[in-house]
Amino acid sequence: MTTHRLAVVGLNFGIHALKELSPGGKAVSFFQLAAVCDLNETLAKRYGEEYHVPWTSSLDELLADDSIQAIGLFTGPFGRAALVDKITAAGKHIMTTKPFDTDPESAFILHTARARGRIVLMNSPQPIETREDLQIIGQWINQFSLGEPIAVHSETWASYREKADGTWADDPSKCPVAPLFRLSIYALNDLVALFGRVNSVNVMTARRFTERPTPDNASAVLRFENGMLASLFASFCIDDTEPYQDTMALHFERGTIYRNGMRGIRGLDSPSRETVLDLIFTENGQRRVLQHKTTTSIGDYPWELLHRGISSGNSSGMPDPECVAEALRVIDALKRAEATGISESVVRPDR
């Protein structure tokens, strides 16, 4: 297989991509690391020398290099859509990360990228057809006649003891409701893909250990247009050896689907990051249990899909801009609810 040349831009978070592009990493079969870039020259030089590739602080320098087919864009979310516009205008394809941007309507730059024949993929959201766990959830809802969605409870956590460092994660305007924006965005993107629009939100936050000006605990309640209620909890304060599990319980009229529920108690190996789905439902008044495992890890970068798209010129697999925008509109409503302390409606422009 011919590998494509990819440069990584934004090295604070981009270090994760560098590891995937290293021997044994998930991306190394598809992409060759061509260069690294960061506005911080010290950081760029450090990783350039560590990974034995050219380094630069100039994105323009990378865009002028015709040997580079793709950019791994791992800058902070504020203003990222403008960089996507610039990169695709220069003829490069993109792998980027969540959250896409802080401006919901900026997501529609993805239409422009597609019109240019350029592919932009990200780890979240991804289309349902590229996510095995979401496909299975949709199949179970129909196959076992689970009925109307009633409620969802989602939680994810990690153990951070962060200090203020002047980055976007310190700024409530760029990192609203921080634990939800940084961790629960995966779950939010998934719920929007499965259940559609959200009408209104409430949120509470707390600062327990963080030395940033942004909170480290957050809990929100969302009311979807279909009447379903969803609670999202995210924390940077919990160390139980099971971080980032994105545990979710999806309750329906006639059953419940669990994603990654009670992994440790069930003796599952958390570091494997394997996604596990369980279904409990009733049939003819009898309780039945269906269990299923998948090897799809929530938040994986679709490197193979990007490679295939660049090789074939087929841009299928790009996320729907409306789904990207809808989750960010919910984040915007949560930001307002955090400030006002009351329920806030999700605002959508007239189209």
Protein backbone atom coordinates (compact mmCIF):
# COMPACT_ATOMS: atom_id res chain seq x y z
CA MET A 1 0.00 0.00 0.00
CA THR A 2 1.27 3.46 -0.91
CA THR A 3 1.38 5.76 2.09
CA HIS A 4 0.50 9.44 1.76
CA ARG A 5 2.58 12.24 3.26
CA LEU A 6 0.92 14.09 6.14
CA ALA A 7 2.14 17.00 8.26
CA VAL A 8 0.92 17.54 11.82
CA VAL A 9 -0.05 21.09 12.81
CA GLY A 10 -0.64 21.96 16.48
CA LEU A 11 1.65 19.96 18.73
CA ASN A 12 0.08 20.34 22.17
CA PHE A 13 -2.74 17.97 21.29
CA GLY A 14 -1.06 16.78 18.10
CA ILE A 15 1.35 14.62 20.10
CA HIS A 16 -1.40 11.99 20.10
CA ALA A 17 -1.37 11.95 16.31
CA LEU A 18 2.42 11.73 16.26
CA LYS A 19 2.20 8.55 18.32
CA GLU A 20 -0.31 7.07 15.87
CA LEU A 21 2.06 7.93 13.02
CA SER A 22 4.97 6.18 14.75
CA PRO A 23 5.94 2.50 14.32
CA GLY A 24 3.13 0.35 15.69
CA GLY A 25 0.64 3.23 15.55
CA LYS A 26 -2.79 3.02 13.93
CA ALA A 27 -1.95 5.51 11.16
CA VAL A 28 1.49 4.30 10.13
CA SER A 29 0.16 1.88 7.50
CA PHE A 30 -1.62 4.73 5.74
CA PHE A 31 0.44 7.89 6.26
CA GLN A 32 4.07 8.94 6.47
CA LEU A 33 4.87 11.81 8.83
CA ALA A 34 6.28 14.52 6.55
CA ALA A 35 6.74 17.47 8.93
CA VAL A 36 5.54 19.08 12.15
CA CYS A 37 4.36 22.64 12.73
CA ASP A 38 3.52 24.81 15.69
CA LEU A 39 3.55 28.55 16.33
CA ASN A 40 5.75 27.75 19.31
CA GLU A 41 9.11 27.25 17.58
CA THR A 42 10.60 25.54 20.63
CA LEU A 43 7.83 22.94 20.56
CA ALA A 44 8.09 22.51 16.79
CA LYS A 45 11.85 22.00 16.95
CA ARG A 46 11.55 19.56 19.84
CA TYR A 47 9.15 17.24 18.05
CA GLY A 48 10.80 17.68 14.68
CA GLU A 49 14.06 16.46 16.13
CA GLU A 50 12.41 13.70 18.18
CA TYR A 51 10.56 12.31 15.15
CA HIS A 52 13.35 13.07 12.67
CA VAL A 53 11.24 15.20 10.33
CA PRO A 54 11.40 18.83 9.17
CA TRP A 55 9.82 21.34 11.52
CA THR A 56 8.42 24.82 11.02
CA SER A 57 6.30 27.49 12.67
CA SER A 58 4.75 28.47 9.32
CA LEU A 59 1.61 26.78 8.04
CA ASP A 60 2.12 28.57 4.72
CA GLU A 61 5.42 26.75 4.29
CA LEU A 62 3.66 23.40 4.57
CA LEU A 63 0.86 24.43 2.22
CA ALA A 64 3.41 25.39 -0.43
CA ASP A 65 4.97 21.90 -0.31
CA ASP A 66 3.40 19.88 -3.13
CA SER A 67 4.78 16.62 -1.71
CA ILE A 68 2.43 16.89 1.30
CA GLN A 69 -1.05 15.58 0.53
CA ALA A 70 -2.70 16.00 3.93
CA ILE A 71 -2.58 18.02 7.13
CA GLY A 72 -3.32 16.66 10.59
CA LEU A 73 -4.89 19.76 12.14
CA PHE A 74 -4.78 19.61 15.94
CA THR A 75 -4.91 23.28 16.93
CA GLY A 76 -7.45 24.50 19.49
CA PRO A 77 -11.06 24.66 18.30
CA PHE A 78 -11.36 28.46 18.31
CA GLY A 79 -11.04 29.57 14.69
CA ARG A 80 -10.24 26.10 13.36
CA ALA A 81 -12.80 26.36 10.54
CA ALA A 82 -10.85 29.26 9.06
CA LEU A 83 -7.76 27.06 9.00
CA VAL A 84 -9.76 24.28 7.35
CA ASP A 85 -10.80 26.78 4.68
CA LYS A 86 -7.21 27.88 4.12
CA ILE A 87 -5.82 24.35 4.00
CA THR A 88 -8.41 22.94 1.61
CA ALA A 89 -8.06 26.03 -0.63
CA ALA A 90 -4.37 25.09 -0.88
CA GLY A 91 -5.36 21.64 -2.12
CA LYS A 92 -4.66 19.61 1.03
CA HIS A 93 -6.88 17.02 2.71
CA ILE A 94 -7.40 17.16 6.49
CA MET A 95 -7.66 14.96 9.55
CA THR A 96 -8.78 17.01 12.54
CA THR A 97 -10.27 16.52 15.99
CA LYS A 98 -13.21 17.38 18.17
CA PRO A 99 -14.69 19.87 18.91
CA PHE A 100 -14.61 21.19 15.33
CA ASP A 101 -14.89 24.88 16.28
CA THR A 102 -16.60 27.16 18.79
CA ASP A 103 -18.82 28.79 16.14
CA PRO A 104 -21.62 26.36 15.19
CA GLU A 105 -22.26 27.81 11.75
CA SER A 106 -18.60 27.55 10.81
CA ALA A 107 -19.20 23.82 10.32
CA PHE A 108 -20.66 24.55 6.90
CA ILE A 109 -17.15 25.22 5.59
CA LEU A 110 -17.20 21.44 5.13
CA HIS A 111 -19.47 21.98 2.12
CA THR A 112 -16.81 24.22 0.61
CA ALA A 113 -14.13 21.60 1.23
CA ARG A 114 -16.21 18.93 -0.51
CA ALA A 115 -16.85 21.27 -3.46
CA ARG A 116 -13.08 21.68 -3.78
CA GLY A 117 -12.68 17.92 -3.91
CA ARG A 118 -10.95 17.85 -0.54
CA ILE A 119 -11.69 15.45 2.30
CA VAL A 120 -12.03 16.61 5.91
CA LEU A 121 -12.44 13.88 8.52
CA MET A 122 -12.42 13.96 12.31
CA ASN A 123 -12.66 11.57 15.22
CA SER A 124 -16.05 12.98 16.25
CA PRO A 125 -18.56 13.23 14.79
CA GLN A 126 -18.34 10.53 12.17
CA PRO A 127 -21.23 9.39 9.97
CA ILE A 128 -23.23 6.54 11.46
CA GLU A 129 -22.23 4.33 8.53
CA THR A 130 -18.59 4.47 9.68
CA ARG A 131 -19.35 3.79 13.36
CA GLU A 132 -20.15 0.16 14.18
CA ASP A 133 -21.49 0.90 17.67
CA LEU A 134 -23.99 3.48 16.40
CA GLN A 135 -25.07 1.14 13.62
CA ILE A 136 -25.76 -1.63 16.14
CA ILE A 137 -27.74 0.71 18.40
CA GLY A 138 -29.90 1.76 15.43
CA GLN A 139 -30.41 -1.86 14.38
CA TRP A 140 -31.42 -2.96 17.89
CA ILE A 141 -33.95 -0.13 18.22
CA ASN A 142 -35.74 -1.38 15.11
CA GLN A 143 -35.09 -5.13 15.31
CA PHE A 144 -36.38 -5.50 18.87
CA SER A 145 -39.13 -2.85 18.67
CA LEU A 146 -37.79 -0.89 21.62
CA GLY A 147 -40.27 1.92 21.02
CA GLU A 148 -39.89 5.61 21.77
CA PRO A 149 -36.65 6.93 23.28
CA ILE A 150 -37.34 8.03 26.86
CA ALA A 151 -34.07 9.10 28.45
CA VAL A 152 -30.30 8.85 28.15
CA HIS A 153 -27.67 9.07 30.85
CA SER A 154 -24.10 9.63 29.70
CA GLU A 155 -20.96 10.06 31.77
CA THR A 156 -17.25 10.27 31.14
CA TRP A 157 -14.35 11.21 33.36
CA ALA A 158 -10.62 11.39 33.83
CA SER A 159 -8.20 12.55 36.53
CA TYR A 160 -6.49 15.86 35.71
CA ARG A 161 -4.82 18.34 38.01
CA GLU A 162 -4.39 21.13 35.51
CA LYS A 163 -2.81 24.52 35.95
CA ALA A 164 -3.56 27.69 34.03
CA ASP A 165 -1.26 27.89 31.02
CA GLY A 166 -2.80 30.64 28.89
CA THR A 167 -4.17 28.23 26.28
CA TRP A 168 -7.74 28.09 24.97
CA ALA A 169 -8.69 25.68 27.80
CA ASP A 170 -8.33 28.61 30.24
CA ASP A 171 -10.82 30.80 28.39
CA PRO A 172 -14.55 30.23 29.09
CA SER A 173 -15.44 31.92 25.78
CA LYS A 174 -13.26 29.45 23.85
CA CYS A 175 -13.80 26.45 26.13
CA PRO A 176 -17.39 26.74 27.40
CA VAL A 177 -18.53 24.33 30.13
CA ALA A 178 -15.06 22.82 29.89
CA PRO A 179 -15.61 19.15 30.87
CA LEU A 180 -18.59 18.83 28.53
CA PHE A 181 -16.85 20.65 25.68
CA ARG A 182 -13.63 18.65 26.01
CA LEU A 183 -14.96 15.20 26.99
CA SER A 184 -18.73 14.89 26.50
CA ILE A 185 -18.59 16.23 22.95
CA TYR A 186 -18.23 12.59 21.80
CA ALA A 187 -21.48 11.58 23.49
CA LEU A 188 -23.26 14.74 22.37
CA ASN A 189 -22.26 14.17 18.75
CA ASP A 190 -23.50 10.58 19.00
CA LEU A 191 -26.84 11.57 20.52
CA VAL A 192 -27.45 14.19 17.84
CA ALA A 193 -26.67 11.60 15.16
CA LEU A 194 -29.07 9.08 16.71
CA PHE A 195 -31.92 11.29 17.94
CA GLY A 196 -31.78 14.64 16.15
CA ARG A 197 -32.29 18.13 17.49
CA VAL A 198 -32.20 19.48 21.04
CA ASN A 199 -34.71 22.14 22.15
CA SER A 200 -33.36 23.38 25.49
CA VAL A 201 -30.65 22.79 28.09
CA ASN A 202 -29.79 23.28 31.75
CA VAL A 203 -26.31 23.01 33.27
CA MET A 204 -24.42 23.14 36.56
CA THR A 205 -20.63 23.30 36.97
CA ALA A 206 -18.08 23.19 39.77
CA ARG A 207 -14.35 23.73 40.30
CA ARG A 208 -12.84 21.18 42.69
CA PHE A 209 -9.17 20.73 41.86
CA THR A 210 -8.41 22.63 38.69
CA GLU A 211 -6.24 25.72 38.80
CA ARG A 212 -7.68 26.88 35.50
CA PRO A 213 -10.44 29.51 35.52
CA THR A 214 -12.71 26.97 33.80
CA PRO A 215 -14.62 24.25 35.75
CA ASP A 216 -13.56 20.63 36.16
CA ASN A 217 -17.03 19.13 36.80
CA ALA A 218 -20.19 19.65 34.79
CA SER A 219 -23.65 18.13 34.55
CA ALA A 220 -26.26 19.06 31.95
CA VAL A 221 -29.80 18.07 31.04
CA LEU A 222 -30.97 18.28 27.43
CA ARG A 223 -34.53 18.15 26.15
CA PHE A 224 -34.66 16.78 22.61
CA GLU A 225 -37.34 17.71 20.08
CA ASN A 226 -38.71 14.16 20.29
CA GLY A 227 -39.32 14.60 24.04
CA MET A 228 -36.35 12.52 25.18
CA LEU A 229 -34.35 13.78 28.14
CA ALA A 230 -30.58 13.31 28.22
CA SER A 231 -28.22 13.93 31.12
CA LEU A 232 -24.52 14.46 30.45
CA PHE A 233 -21.93 14.30 33.21
CA ALA A 234 -18.21 14.92 32.71
CA SER A 235 -15.39 15.33 35.20
CA PHE A 236 -11.64 15.85 35.32
CA CYS A 237 -11.57 14.80 38.99
CA ILE A 238 -12.11 11.01 39.07
CA ASP A 239 -9.36 8.40 39.14
CA ASP A 240 -10.79 4.87 39.14
CA THR A 241 -8.49 3.37 36.44
CA GLU A 242 -11.35 3.57 33.91
CA PRO A 243 -11.03 7.00 32.25
CA TYR A 244 -12.70 8.07 29.01
CA GLN A 245 -15.17 5.18 28.91
CA ASP A 246 -18.11 7.22 27.59
CA THR A 247 -20.56 5.11 29.54
CA MET A 248 -24.10 5.53 28.28
CA ALA A 249 -27.52 4.11 29.18
CA LEU A 250 -30.18 4.61 26.52
CA HIS A 251 -33.68 3.93 27.85
CA PHE A 252 -36.63 3.14 25.57
CA GLU A 253 -40.24 2.13 26.13
CA ARG A 254 -39.38 -1.57 26.03
CA GLY A 255 -35.70 -1.88 26.75
CA THR A 256 -32.36 -0.36 27.65
CA ILE A 257 -29.11 -0.31 25.70
CA TYR A 258 -25.88 0.09 27.68
CA ARG A 259 -22.62 1.27 26.14
CA ASN A 260 -19.54 0.44 28.21
CA GLY A 261 -21.58 -0.08 31.35
CA MET A 262 -19.85 -1.46 34.47
CA ARG A 263 -16.74 -2.56 32.58
CA GLY A 264 -14.54 -3.15 35.59
CA ILE A 265 -17.17 -5.10 37.53
CA ARG A 266 -17.76 -7.29 34.47
CA GLY A 267 -14.04 -8.08 34.33
CA LEU A 268 -13.35 -6.29 31.07
CA ASP A 269 -9.93 -4.90 30.26
CA SER A 270 -10.34 -1.12 30.31
CA PRO A 271 -7.02 -0.24 28.64
CA SER A 272 -8.13 -2.12 25.51
CA ARG A 273 -10.66 0.69 24.89
CA GLU A 274 -12.98 -1.84 23.29
CA THR A 275 -16.56 -0.63 23.00
CA VAL A 276 -19.13 -2.98 24.53
CA LEU A 277 -22.88 -2.85 23.92
CA ASP A 278 -25.55 -4.68 25.96
CA LEU A 279 -29.31 -4.79 25.42
CA ILE A 280 -31.96 -5.71 27.98
CA PHE A 281 -35.52 -5.78 26.64
CA THR A 282 -38.90 -7.46 27.02
CA GLU A 283 -40.52 -9.80 24.52
CA ASN A 284 -43.97 -11.25 25.16
CA GLY A 285 -43.60 -10.15 28.74
CA GLN A 286 -40.33 -12.02 29.20
CA ARG A 287 -36.93 -10.52 29.96
CA ARG A 288 -34.26 -11.17 27.37
CA VAL A 289 -30.63 -10.14 27.30
CA LEU A 290 -28.60 -9.68 24.15
CA GLN A 291 -24.90 -8.90 24.50
CA HIS A 292 -22.54 -7.70 21.80
CA LYS A 293 -18.93 -6.60 21.65
CA THR A 294 -17.33 -4.41 19.04
CA THR A 295 -13.69 -3.57 18.47
CA THR A 296 -14.49 0.00 17.48
CA SER A 297 -13.05 2.45 19.98
CA ILE A 298 -14.99 5.66 20.54
CA GLY A 299 -12.92 8.59 19.34
CA ASP A 300 -10.63 6.68 16.99
CA TYR A 301 -9.34 8.69 14.03
CA PRO A 302 -10.50 7.25 10.67
CA TRP A 303 -7.03 7.10 9.12
CA GLU A 304 -7.87 4.28 6.72
CA LEU A 305 -10.93 6.14 5.45
CA LEU A 306 -8.88 9.28 4.79
CA HIS A 307 -6.22 7.26 2.98
CA ARG A 308 -8.84 5.54 0.85
CA GLY A 309 -10.49 8.85 0.01
CA ILE A 310 -7.22 10.51 -1.02
CA SER A 311 -6.26 7.48 -3.13
CA SER A 312 -9.63 7.22 -4.89
CA GLY A 313 -10.72 10.85 -4.93
CA ASN A 314 -13.96 9.81 -3.19
CA SER A 315 -15.02 12.14 -0.37
CA SER A 316 -17.62 9.77 1.14
CA GLY A 317 -17.39 9.42 4.90
CA MET A 318 -17.19 13.14 5.60
CA PRO A 319 -19.40 14.20 8.52
CA ASP A 320 -22.68 15.97 7.84
CA PRO A 321 -22.07 19.69 8.52
CA GLU A 322 -25.55 19.98 10.03
CA CYS A 323 -24.72 17.30 12.64
CA VAL A 324 -21.45 19.05 13.47
CA ALA A 325 -23.24 22.38 13.78
CA GLU A 326 -26.14 21.02 15.87
CA ALA A 327 -23.87 19.71 18.63
CA LEU A 328 -22.01 23.03 18.70
CA ARG A 329 -25.34 24.90 18.95
CA VAL A 330 -26.09 22.81 22.03
CA ILE A 331 -22.69 23.76 23.46
CA ASP A 332 -23.52 27.42 22.78
CA ALA A 333 -26.81 27.02 24.69
CA LEU A 334 -24.94 25.34 27.56
CA LYS A 335 -22.52 28.24 27.61
CA ARG A 336 -25.43 30.66 28.02
CA ALA A 337 -27.09 28.45 30.64
CA GLU A 338 -23.84 28.34 32.63
CA ALA A 339 -23.80 32.15 32.66
CA THR A 340 -27.50 32.72 33.44
CA GLY A 341 -28.25 29.74 35.68
CA ILE A 342 -31.54 29.12 33.87
CA SER A 343 -32.78 26.94 31.04
CA GLU A 344 -31.67 28.16 27.62
CA SER A 345 -33.04 27.34 24.18
CA VAL A 346 -30.90 26.05 21.33
CA VAL A 347 -30.74 28.76 18.68
CA ARG A 348 -30.67 27.92 14.98
CA PRO A 349 -30.43 30.36 12.08
CA ASP A 350 -33.17 30.46 9.48
CA ARG A 351 -32.08 28.54 6.39
